[in-house]
Amino acid sequence: MPKKTTTDAAKILADIAGHDPKRRQAFEEAVANREVAQRIYELREQAGLSQTELAKRVGTTQSVISRLEDADYEGHSLAMLNRIAAAVERRVEIRFLPRRRRLQPA
């Protein structure tokens, strides 16, 4: 019987990371960075702001906002997230969640 393939990206990436703790940690960090970047982008879009407009409200430059919205950026700070949240009349909420079970290799 042929092996069943999956199109679930999380399962595919978990298979690539395997059981190597360092690879798994790097994967988890990459997912977290992508989620933060995506959320900043979504907040800005929902507020109807350009990167330049948000930057002015936050007191920074457009290039900083662009970098913060980049999934590969690893320098998100709580202070900057709070400034962005305030600029779009939101607040930051930090939660610690259990690791996702779906990240286990199939």
PDB file of N, CA and C in Angstrom:
ATOM      1  N   MET A   1       0.850  -1.179   0.000  1.00  0.00           N
ATOM      2  CA  MET A   1       0.000   0.000   0.000  1.00  0.00           C
ATOM      3  C   MET A   1       0.893   1.240   0.000  1.00  0.00           C
ATOM      4  N   PRO A   2       0.645   2.237  -0.878  1.00  0.00           N
ATOM      5  CA  PRO A   2       1.474   3.433  -0.928  1.00  0.00           C
ATOM      6  C   PRO A   2       1.330   4.261   0.349  1.00  0.00           C
ATOM      7  N   LYS A   3       2.431   4.945   0.716  1.00  0.00           N
ATOM      8  CA  LYS A   3       2.419   5.799   1.898  1.00  0.00           C
ATOM      9  C   LYS A   3       1.520   7.008   1.645  1.00  0.00           C
ATOM     10  N   LYS A   4       0.666   7.316   2.613  1.00  0.00           N
ATOM     11  CA  LYS A   4      -0.247   8.448   2.514  1.00  0.00           C
ATOM     12  C   LYS A   4       0.537   9.749   2.694  1.00  0.00           C
ATOM     13  N   THR A   5       0.356  10.691   1.797  1.00  0.00           N
ATOM     14  CA  THR A   5       1.042  11.974   1.894  1.00  0.00           C
ATOM     15  C   THR A   5       0.142  12.994   2.564  1.00  0.00           C
ATOM     16  N   THR A   6       0.767  14.047   3.077  1.00  0.00           N
ATOM     17  CA  THR A   6       0.016  15.105   3.745  1.00  0.00           C
ATOM     18  C   THR A   6       0.323  16.446   3.094  1.00  0.00           C
ATOM     19  N   THR A   7      -0.625  17.347   3.186  1.00  0.00           N
ATOM     20  CA  THR A   7      -0.403  18.710   2.713  1.00  0.00           C
ATOM     21  C   THR A   7      -0.397  19.684   3.893  1.00  0.00           C
ATOM     22  N   ASP A   8      -0.470  19.154   5.125  1.00  0.00           N
ATOM     23  CA  ASP A   8      -0.457  19.974   6.334  1.00  0.00           C
ATOM     24  C   ASP A   8       0.962  20.494   6.552  1.00  0.00           C
ATOM     25  N   ALA A   9       1.145  21.800   6.394  1.00  0.00           N
ATOM     26  CA  ALA A   9       2.482  22.399   6.483  1.00  0.00           C
ATOM     27  C   ALA A   9       3.128  22.156   7.837  1.00  0.00           C
ATOM     28  N   ALA A  10       2.348  22.242   8.910  1.00  0.00           N
ATOM     29  CA  ALA A  10       2.917  22.030  10.245  1.00  0.00           C
ATOM     30  C   ALA A  10       3.457  20.608  10.386  1.00  0.00           C
ATOM     31  N   LYS A  11       2.728  19.629   9.856  1.00  0.00           N
ATOM     32  CA  LYS A  11       3.197  18.243   9.930  1.00  0.00           C
ATOM     33  C   LYS A  11       4.447  18.041   9.080  1.00  0.00           C
ATOM     34  N   ILE A  12       4.459  18.643   7.922  1.00  0.00           N
ATOM     35  CA  ILE A  12       5.623  18.521   7.039  1.00  0.00           C
ATOM     36  C   ILE A  12       6.854  19.117   7.714  1.00  0.00           C
ATOM     37  N   LEU A  13       6.711  20.309   8.279  1.00  0.00           N
ATOM     38  CA  LEU A  13       7.842  20.952   8.941  1.00  0.00           C
ATOM     39  C   LEU A  13       8.263  20.199  10.193  1.00  0.00           C
ATOM     40  N   ALA A  14       7.311  19.651  10.926  1.00  0.00           N
ATOM     41  CA  ALA A  14       7.645  18.844  12.097  1.00  0.00           C
ATOM     42  C   ALA A  14       8.430  17.604  11.686  1.00  0.00           C
ATOM     43  N   ASP A  15       8.050  17.012  10.564  1.00  0.00           N
ATOM     44  CA  ASP A  15       8.799  15.852  10.061  1.00  0.00           C
ATOM     45  C   ASP A  15      10.230  16.247   9.718  1.00  0.00           C
ATOM     46  N   ILE A  16      10.402  17.417   9.137  1.00  0.00           N
ATOM     47  CA  ILE A  16      11.738  17.894   8.790  1.00  0.00           C
ATOM     48  C   ILE A  16      12.560  18.123  10.060  1.00  0.00           C
ATOM     49  N   ALA A  17      11.950  18.726  11.073  1.00  0.00           N
ATOM     50  CA  ALA A  17      12.654  18.987  12.331  1.00  0.00           C
ATOM     51  C   ALA A  17      12.979  17.694  13.053  1.00  0.00           C
ATOM     52  N   GLY A  18      12.129  16.684  12.872  1.00  0.00           N
ATOM     53  CA  GLY A  18      12.374  15.392  13.504  1.00  0.00           C
ATOM     54  C   GLY A  18      12.384  15.493  15.016  1.00  0.00           C
ATOM     55  N   HIS A  19      13.282  14.737  15.628  1.00  0.00           N
ATOM     56  CA  HIS A  19      13.340  14.699  17.085  1.00  0.00           C
ATOM     57  C   HIS A  19      14.502  15.527  17.624  1.00  0.00           C
ATOM     58  N   ASP A  20      15.139  16.320  16.777  1.00  0.00           N
ATOM     59  CA  ASP A  20      16.271  17.154  17.179  1.00  0.00           C
ATOM     60  C   ASP A  20      15.741  18.354  17.964  1.00  0.00           C
ATOM     61  N   PRO A  21      16.052  18.449  19.263  1.00  0.00           N
ATOM     62  CA  PRO A  21      15.526  19.549  20.085  1.00  0.00           C
ATOM     63  C   PRO A  21      15.912  20.932  19.568  1.00  0.00           C
ATOM     64  N   LYS A  22      17.132  21.095  19.036  1.00  0.00           N
ATOM     65  CA  LYS A  22      17.545  22.405  18.534  1.00  0.00           C
ATOM     66  C   LYS A  22      16.741  22.792  17.298  1.00  0.00           C
ATOM     67  N   ARG A  23      16.508  21.831  16.421  1.00  0.00           N
ATOM     68  CA  ARG A  23      15.695  22.116  15.232  1.00  0.00           C
ATOM     69  C   ARG A  23      14.267  22.441  15.614  1.00  0.00           C
ATOM     70  N   ARG A  24      13.734  21.698  16.568  1.00  0.00           N
ATOM     71  CA  ARG A  24      12.360  21.950  17.023  1.00  0.00           C
ATOM     72  C   ARG A  24      12.250  23.337  17.646  1.00  0.00           C
ATOM     73  N   GLN A  25      13.248  23.731  18.461  1.00  0.00           N
ATOM     74  CA  GLN A  25      13.251  25.055  19.084  1.00  0.00           C
ATOM     75  C   GLN A  25      13.294  26.139  18.015  1.00  0.00           C
ATOM     76  N   ALA A  26      14.147  25.967  17.029  1.00  0.00           N
ATOM     77  CA  ALA A  26      14.244  26.940  15.932  1.00  0.00           C
ATOM     78  C   ALA A  26      12.922  27.034  15.183  1.00  0.00           C
ATOM     79  N   PHE A  27      12.279  25.898  14.975  1.00  0.00           N
ATOM     80  CA  PHE A  27      10.979  25.876  14.297  1.00  0.00           C
ATOM     81  C   PHE A  27       9.946  26.645  15.109  1.00  0.00           C
ATOM     82  N   GLU A  28       9.887  26.388  16.412  1.00  0.00           N
ATOM     83  CA  GLU A  28       8.926  27.075  17.286  1.00  0.00           C
ATOM     84  C   GLU A  28       9.161  28.583  17.267  1.00  0.00           C
ATOM     85  N   GLU A  29      10.427  29.003  17.301  1.00  0.00           N
ATOM     86  CA  GLU A  29      10.744  30.426  17.276  1.00  0.00           C
ATOM     87  C   GLU A  29      10.340  31.058  15.946  1.00  0.00           C
ATOM     88  N   ALA A  30      10.562  30.347  14.868  1.00  0.00           N
ATOM     89  CA  ALA A  30      10.179  30.866  13.552  1.00  0.00           C
ATOM     90  C   ALA A  30       8.665  31.033  13.456  1.00  0.00           C
ATOM     91  N   VAL A  31       7.928  30.077  13.991  1.00  0.00           N
ATOM     92  CA  VAL A  31       6.462  30.167  13.985  1.00  0.00           C
ATOM     93  C   VAL A  31       6.012  31.373  14.805  1.00  0.00           C
ATOM     94  N   ALA A  32       6.615  31.564  15.978  1.00  0.00           N
ATOM     95  CA  ALA A  32       6.246  32.696  16.837  1.00  0.00           C
ATOM     96  C   ALA A  32       6.546  34.030  16.145  1.00  0.00           C
ATOM     97  N   ASN A  33       7.727  34.133  15.512  1.00  0.00           N
ATOM     98  CA  ASN A  33       8.081  35.373  14.804  1.00  0.00           C
ATOM     99  C   ASN A  33       7.106  35.653  13.668  1.00  0.00           C
ATOM    100  N   ARG A  34       6.724  34.611  12.945  1.00  0.00           N
ATOM    101  CA  ARG A  34       5.779  34.783  11.848  1.00  0.00           C
ATOM    102  C   ARG A  34       4.422  35.252  12.384  1.00  0.00           C
ATOM    103  N   GLU A  35       3.989  34.680  13.494  1.00  0.00           N
ATOM    104  CA  GLU A  35       2.693  35.059  14.058  1.00  0.00           C
ATOM    105  C   GLU A  35       2.683  36.506  14.534  1.00  0.00           C
ATOM    106  N   VAL A  36       3.763  36.955  15.167  1.00  0.00           N
ATOM    107  CA  VAL A  36       3.841  38.348  15.622  1.00  0.00           C
ATOM    108  C   VAL A  36       3.831  39.288  14.423  1.00  0.00           C
ATOM    109  N   ALA A  37       4.647  38.982  13.424  1.00  0.00           N
ATOM    110  CA  ALA A  37       4.709  39.825  12.228  1.00  0.00           C
ATOM    111  C   ALA A  37       3.348  39.902  11.545  1.00  0.00           C
ATOM    112  N   GLN A  38       2.684  38.767  11.431  1.00  0.00           N
ATOM    113  CA  GLN A  38       1.372  38.718  10.787  1.00  0.00           C
ATOM    114  C   GLN A  38       0.356  39.536  11.573  1.00  0.00           C
ATOM    115  N   ARG A  39       0.419  39.451  12.891  1.00  0.00           N
ATOM    116  CA  ARG A  39      -0.546  40.176  13.720  1.00  0.00           C
ATOM    117  C   ARG A  39      -0.330  41.687  13.614  1.00  0.00           C
ATOM    118  N   ILE A  40       0.930  42.125  13.569  1.00  0.00           N
ATOM    119  CA  ILE A  40       1.211  43.556  13.398  1.00  0.00           C
ATOM    120  C   ILE A  40       0.637  44.036  12.071  1.00  0.00           C
ATOM    121  N   TYR A  41       0.880  43.274  11.028  1.00  0.00           N
ATOM    122  CA  TYR A  41       0.349  43.617   9.699  1.00  0.00           C
ATOM    123  C   TYR A  41      -1.181  43.711   9.739  1.00  0.00           C
ATOM    124  N   GLU A  42      -1.821  42.703  10.335  1.00  0.00           N
ATOM    125  CA  GLU A  42      -3.289  42.683  10.393  1.00  0.00           C
ATOM    126  C   GLU A  42      -3.831  43.868  11.177  1.00  0.00           C
ATOM    127  N   LEU A  43      -3.208  44.200  12.307  1.00  0.00           N
ATOM    128  CA  LEU A  43      -3.656  45.351  13.102  1.00  0.00           C
ATOM    129  C   LEU A  43      -3.553  46.641  12.299  1.00  0.00           C
ATOM    130  N   ARG A  44      -2.443  46.802  11.605  1.00  0.00           N
ATOM    131  CA  ARG A  44      -2.249  48.005  10.795  1.00  0.00           C
ATOM    132  C   ARG A  44      -3.292  48.091   9.691  1.00  0.00           C
ATOM    133  N   GLU A  45      -3.513  46.984   9.009  1.00  0.00           N
ATOM    134  CA  GLU A  45      -4.507  46.958   7.917  1.00  0.00           C
ATOM    135  C   GLU A  45      -5.912  47.234   8.452  1.00  0.00           C
ATOM    136  N   GLN A  46      -6.267  46.626   9.577  1.00  0.00           N
ATOM    137  CA  GLN A  46      -7.591  46.837  10.160  1.00  0.00           C
ATOM    138  C   GLN A  46      -7.797  48.295  10.558  1.00  0.00           C
ATOM    139  N   ALA A  47      -6.711  48.942  10.972  1.00  0.00           N
ATOM    140  CA  ALA A  47      -6.793  50.352  11.347  1.00  0.00           C
ATOM    141  C   ALA A  47      -6.792  51.262  10.122  1.00  0.00           C
ATOM    142  N   GLY A  48      -6.585  50.681   8.938  1.00  0.00           N
ATOM    143  CA  GLY A  48      -6.582  51.468   7.710  1.00  0.00           C
ATOM    144  C   GLY A  48      -5.360  52.363   7.580  1.00  0.00           C
ATOM    145  N   LEU A  49      -4.238  51.919   8.122  1.00  0.00           N
ATOM    146  CA  LEU A  49      -3.028  52.730   8.112  1.00  0.00           C
ATOM    147  C   LEU A  49      -1.976  52.165   7.168  1.00  0.00           C
ATOM    148  N   SER A  50      -1.213  53.049   6.570  1.00  0.00           N
ATOM    149  CA  SER A  50      -0.038  52.620   5.815  1.00  0.00           C
ATOM    150  C   SER A  50       1.088  52.392   6.832  1.00  0.00           C
ATOM    151  N   GLN A  51       2.162  51.805   6.370  1.00  0.00           N
ATOM    152  CA  GLN A  51       3.313  51.638   7.260  1.00  0.00           C
ATOM    153  C   GLN A  51       3.829  52.998   7.729  1.00  0.00           C
ATOM    154  N   THR A  52       3.833  53.966   6.837  1.00  0.00           N
ATOM    155  CA  THR A  52       4.307  55.309   7.177  1.00  0.00           C
ATOM    156  C   THR A  52       3.412  55.959   8.224  1.00  0.00           C
ATOM    157  N   GLU A  53       2.106  55.811   8.062  1.00  0.00           N
ATOM    158  CA  GLU A  53       1.166  56.397   9.028  1.00  0.00           C
ATOM    159  C   GLU A  53       1.313  55.753  10.403  1.00  0.00           C
ATOM    160  N   LEU A  54       1.438  54.431  10.439  1.00  0.00           N
ATOM    161  CA  LEU A  54       1.631  53.756  11.724  1.00  0.00           C
ATOM    162  C   LEU A  54       2.952  54.185  12.346  1.00  0.00           C
ATOM    163  N   ALA A  55       3.983  54.282  11.530  1.00  0.00           N
ATOM    164  CA  ALA A  55       5.298  54.700  12.036  1.00  0.00           C
ATOM    165  C   ALA A  55       5.217  56.070  12.706  1.00  0.00           C
ATOM    166  N   LYS A  56       4.498  57.002  12.100  1.00  0.00           N
ATOM    167  CA  LYS A  56       4.347  58.337  12.684  1.00  0.00           C
ATOM    168  C   LYS A  56       3.647  58.261  14.037  1.00  0.00           C
ATOM    169  N   ARG A  57       2.613  57.447  14.119  1.00  0.00           N
ATOM    170  CA  ARG A  57       1.885  57.304  15.387  1.00  0.00           C
ATOM    171  C   ARG A  57       2.754  56.665  16.467  1.00  0.00           C
ATOM    172  N   VAL A  58       3.620  55.762  16.056  1.00  0.00           N
ATOM    173  CA  VAL A  58       4.465  55.026  17.003  1.00  0.00           C
ATOM    174  C   VAL A  58       5.721  55.830  17.355  1.00  0.00           C
ATOM    175  N   GLY A  59       6.094  56.760  16.488  1.00  0.00           N
ATOM    176  CA  GLY A  59       7.301  57.541  16.721  1.00  0.00           C
ATOM    177  C   GLY A  59       8.543  56.845  16.199  1.00  0.00           C
ATOM    178  N   THR A  60       8.408  56.210  15.041  1.00  0.00           N
ATOM    179  CA  THR A  60       9.520  55.510  14.421  1.00  0.00           C
ATOM    180  C   THR A  60       9.475  55.753  12.922  1.00  0.00           C
ATOM    181  N   THR A  61      10.170  54.941  12.169  1.00  0.00           N
ATOM    182  CA  THR A  61      10.193  55.106  10.715  1.00  0.00           C
ATOM    183  C   THR A  61       9.438  53.977  10.024  1.00  0.00           C
ATOM    184  N   GLN A  62       9.110  54.224   8.765  1.00  0.00           N
ATOM    185  CA  GLN A  62       8.412  53.211   7.966  1.00  0.00           C
ATOM    186  C   GLN A  62       9.248  51.953   7.860  1.00  0.00           C
ATOM    187  N   SER A  63      10.572  52.097   7.751  1.00  0.00           N
ATOM    188  CA  SER A  63      11.428  50.914   7.601  1.00  0.00           C
ATOM    189  C   SER A  63      11.392  50.024   8.841  1.00  0.00           C
ATOM    190  N   VAL A  64      11.221  50.615  10.019  1.00  0.00           N
ATOM    191  CA  VAL A  64      11.092  49.810  11.245  1.00  0.00           C
ATOM    192  C   VAL A  64       9.796  49.016  11.204  1.00  0.00           C
ATOM    193  N   ILE A  65       8.708  49.653  10.798  1.00  0.00           N
ATOM    194  CA  ILE A  65       7.426  48.943  10.705  1.00  0.00           C
ATOM    195  C   ILE A  65       7.529  47.819   9.684  1.00  0.00           C
ATOM    196  N   SER A  66       8.148  48.089   8.569  1.00  0.00           N
ATOM    197  CA  SER A  66       8.341  47.061   7.544  1.00  0.00           C
ATOM    198  C   SER A  66       9.109  45.866   8.107  1.00  0.00           C
ATOM    199  N   ARG A  67      10.163  46.159   8.838  1.00  0.00           N
ATOM    200  CA  ARG A  67      10.970  45.086   9.438  1.00  0.00           C
ATOM    201  C   ARG A  67      10.146  44.283  10.452  1.00  0.00           C
ATOM    202  N   LEU A  68       9.337  44.971  11.259  1.00  0.00           N
ATOM    203  CA  LEU A  68       8.509  44.291  12.252  1.00  0.00           C
ATOM    204  C   LEU A  68       7.464  43.383  11.603  1.00  0.00           C
ATOM    205  N   GLU A  69       7.040  43.732  10.398  1.00  0.00           N
ATOM    206  CA  GLU A  69       6.055  42.926   9.674  1.00  0.00           C
ATOM    207  C   GLU A  69       6.699  41.804   8.871  1.00  0.00           C
ATOM    208  N   ASP A  70       8.006  41.696   8.925  1.00  0.00           N
ATOM    209  CA  ASP A  70       8.742  40.647   8.207  1.00  0.00           C
ATOM    210  C   ASP A  70       8.788  39.391   9.071  1.00  0.00           C
ATOM    211  N   ALA A  71       8.303  38.275   8.546  1.00  0.00           N
ATOM    212  CA  ALA A  71       8.257  37.021   9.292  1.00  0.00           C
ATOM    213  C   ALA A  71       9.632  36.532   9.725  1.00  0.00           C
ATOM    214  N   ASP A  72      10.678  36.962   9.054  1.00  0.00           N
ATOM    215  CA  ASP A  72      12.034  36.532   9.398  1.00  0.00           C
ATOM    216  C   ASP A  72      12.682  37.401  10.480  1.00  0.00           C
ATOM    217  N   TYR A  73      12.032  38.479  10.866  1.00  0.00           N
ATOM    218  CA  TYR A  73      12.602  39.377  11.875  1.00  0.00           C
ATOM    219  C   TYR A  73      12.502  38.736  13.250  1.00  0.00           C
ATOM    220  N   GLU A  74      13.587  38.797  14.010  1.00  0.00           N
ATOM    221  CA  GLU A  74      13.623  38.149  15.323  1.00  0.00           C
ATOM    222  C   GLU A  74      13.741  39.128  16.477  1.00  0.00           C
ATOM    223  N   GLY A  75      13.602  40.423  16.236  1.00  0.00           N
ATOM    224  CA  GLY A  75      13.854  41.408  17.281  1.00  0.00           C
ATOM    225  C   GLY A  75      12.632  42.095  17.853  1.00  0.00           C
ATOM    226  N   HIS A  76      11.491  41.458  17.847  1.00  0.00           N
ATOM    227  CA  HIS A  76      10.299  42.090  18.404  1.00  0.00           C
ATOM    228  C   HIS A  76      10.507  42.312  19.904  1.00  0.00           C
ATOM    229  N   SER A  77      10.241  43.530  20.348  1.00  0.00           N
ATOM    230  CA  SER A  77      10.349  43.814  21.776  1.00  0.00           C
ATOM    231  C   SER A  77       8.963  44.119  22.331  1.00  0.00           C
ATOM    232  N   LEU A  78       8.795  43.829  23.597  1.00  0.00           N
ATOM    233  CA  LEU A  78       7.514  44.105  24.237  1.00  0.00           C
ATOM    234  C   LEU A  78       7.230  45.602  24.235  1.00  0.00           C
ATOM    235  N   ALA A  79       8.253  46.409  24.419  1.00  0.00           N
ATOM    236  CA  ALA A  79       8.064  47.868  24.406  1.00  0.00           C
ATOM    237  C   ALA A  79       7.508  48.332  23.064  1.00  0.00           C
ATOM    238  N   MET A  80       8.084  47.833  21.975  1.00  0.00           N
ATOM    239  CA  MET A  80       7.607  48.246  20.641  1.00  0.00           C
ATOM    240  C   MET A  80       6.201  47.710  20.393  1.00  0.00           C
ATOM    241  N   LEU A  81       5.936  46.486  20.805  1.00  0.00           N
ATOM    242  CA  LEU A  81       4.588  45.937  20.624  1.00  0.00           C
ATOM    243  C   LEU A  81       3.564  46.773  21.387  1.00  0.00           C
ATOM    244  N   ASN A  82       3.914  47.232  22.580  1.00  0.00           N
ATOM    245  CA  ASN A  82       3.016  48.096  23.342  1.00  0.00           C
ATOM    246  C   ASN A  82       2.796  49.433  22.642  1.00  0.00           C
ATOM    247  N   ARG A  83       3.825  49.993  22.027  1.00  0.00           N
ATOM    248  CA  ARG A  83       3.687  51.253  21.288  1.00  0.00           C
ATOM    249  C   ARG A  83       2.774  51.071  20.083  1.00  0.00           C
ATOM    250  N   ILE A  84       2.935  49.969  19.376  1.00  0.00           N
ATOM    251  CA  ILE A  84       2.078  49.692  18.214  1.00  0.00           C
ATOM    252  C   ILE A  84       0.639  49.500  18.664  1.00  0.00           C
ATOM    253  N   ALA A  85       0.450  48.738  19.731  1.00  0.00           N
ATOM    254  CA  ALA A  85      -0.903  48.507  20.244  1.00  0.00           C
ATOM    255  C   ALA A  85      -1.576  49.824  20.620  1.00  0.00           C
ATOM    256  N   ALA A  86      -0.858  50.684  21.303  1.00  0.00           N
ATOM    257  CA  ALA A  86      -1.420  51.977  21.706  1.00  0.00           C
ATOM    258  C   ALA A  86      -1.777  52.820  20.489  1.00  0.00           C
ATOM    259  N   ALA A  87      -0.967  52.726  19.436  1.00  0.00           N
ATOM    260  CA  ALA A  87      -1.211  53.521  18.226  1.00  0.00           C
ATOM    261  C   ALA A  87      -2.492  53.121  17.517  1.00  0.00           C
ATOM    262  N   VAL A  88      -2.938  51.885  17.712  1.00  0.00           N
ATOM    263  CA  VAL A  88      -4.176  51.416  17.079  1.00  0.00           C
ATOM    264  C   VAL A  88      -5.253  51.109  18.137  1.00  0.00           C
ATOM    265  N   GLU A  89      -5.087  51.736  19.301  1.00  0.00           N
ATOM    266  CA  GLU A  89      -6.049  51.634  20.408  1.00  0.00           C
ATOM    267  C   GLU A  89      -6.313  50.191  20.821  1.00  0.00           C
ATOM    268  N   ARG A  90      -5.235  49.476  21.015  1.00  0.00           N
ATOM    269  CA  ARG A  90      -5.293  48.092  21.494  1.00  0.00           C
ATOM    270  C   ARG A  90      -4.347  47.954  22.675  1.00  0.00           C
ATOM    271  N   ARG A  91      -4.322  46.773  23.251  1.00  0.00           N
ATOM    272  CA  ARG A  91      -3.354  46.453  24.290  1.00  0.00           C
ATOM    273  C   ARG A  91      -2.728  45.107  23.948  1.00  0.00           C
ATOM    274  N   VAL A  92      -1.554  44.878  24.460  1.00  0.00           N
ATOM    275  CA  VAL A  92      -0.853  43.618  24.229  1.00  0.00           C
ATOM    276  C   VAL A  92      -1.237  42.657  25.336  1.00  0.00           C
ATOM    277  N   GLU A  93      -1.493  41.425  24.961  1.00  0.00           N
ATOM    278  CA  GLU A  93      -1.773  40.366  25.931  1.00  0.00           C
ATOM    279  C   GLU A  93      -0.767  39.251  25.701  1.00  0.00           C
ATOM    280  N   ILE A  94      -0.093  38.842  26.756  1.00  0.00           N
ATOM    281  CA  ILE A  94       0.895  37.773  26.665  1.00  0.00           C
ATOM    282  C   ILE A  94       0.296  36.520  27.303  1.00  0.00           C
ATOM    283  N   ARG A  95       0.401  35.410  26.570  1.00  0.00           N
ATOM    284  CA  ARG A  95      -0.101  34.134  27.092  1.00  0.00           C
ATOM    285  C   ARG A  95       0.980  33.075  26.900  1.00  0.00           C
ATOM    286  N   PHE A  96       1.057  32.169  27.835  1.00  0.00           N
ATOM    287  CA  PHE A  96       1.937  31.026  27.705  1.00  0.00           C
ATOM    288  C   PHE A  96       1.058  29.800  27.494  1.00  0.00           C
ATOM    289  N   LEU A  97       1.233  29.158  26.361  1.00  0.00           N
ATOM    290  CA  LEU A  97       0.383  28.038  25.972  1.00  0.00           C
ATOM    291  C   LEU A  97       1.196  26.748  25.909  1.00  0.00           C
ATOM    292  N   PRO A  98       0.519  25.618  26.071  1.00  0.00           N
ATOM    293  CA  PRO A  98       1.250  24.360  25.905  1.00  0.00           C
ATOM    294  C   PRO A  98       1.728  24.230  24.463  1.00  0.00           C
ATOM    295  N   ARG A  99       2.802  23.496  24.289  1.00  0.00           N
ATOM    296  CA  ARG A  99       3.289  23.273  22.928  1.00  0.00           C
ATOM    297  C   ARG A  99       2.186  22.588  22.128  1.00  0.00           C
ATOM    298  N   ARG A 100       2.183  22.881  20.857  1.00  0.00           N
ATOM    299  CA  ARG A 100       1.158  22.309  19.976  1.00  0.00           C
ATOM    300  C   ARG A 100       1.441  20.838  19.749  1.00  0.00           C
ATOM    301  N   ARG A 101       0.477  20.041  19.962  1.00  0.00           N
ATOM    302  CA  ARG A 101       0.630  18.609  19.752  1.00  0.00           C
ATOM    303  C   ARG A 101       0.789  18.278  18.264  1.00  0.00           C
ATOM    304  N   ARG A 102       0.204  19.116  17.407  1.00  0.00           N
ATOM    305  CA  ARG A 102       0.256  18.827  15.975  1.00  0.00           C
ATOM    306  C   ARG A 102       1.656  18.927  15.408  1.00  0.00           C
ATOM    307  N   LEU A 103       2.612  19.422  16.202  1.00  0.00           N
ATOM    308  CA  LEU A 103       3.975  19.527  15.726  1.00  0.00           C
ATOM    309  C   LEU A 103       4.737  18.196  15.833  1.00  0.00           C
ATOM    310  N   GLN A 104       4.075  17.207  16.390  1.00  0.00           N
ATOM    311  CA  GLN A 104       4.699  15.885  16.472  1.00  0.00           C
ATOM    312  C   GLN A 104       4.791  15.282  15.099  1.00  0.00           C
ATOM    313  N   PRO A 105       5.924  14.634  14.778  1.00  0.00           N
ATOM    314  CA  PRO A 105       6.037  13.991  13.458  1.00  0.00           C
ATOM    315  C   PRO A 105       4.916  12.984  13.248  1.00  0.00           C
ATOM    316  N   ALA A 106       4.443  12.894  12.017  1.00  0.00           N
ATOM    317  CA  ALA A 106       3.339  11.990  11.684  1.00  0.00           C
ATOM    318  C   ALA A 106       3.806  10.552  11.680  1.00  0.00           C
TER     319      ALA A 106
END
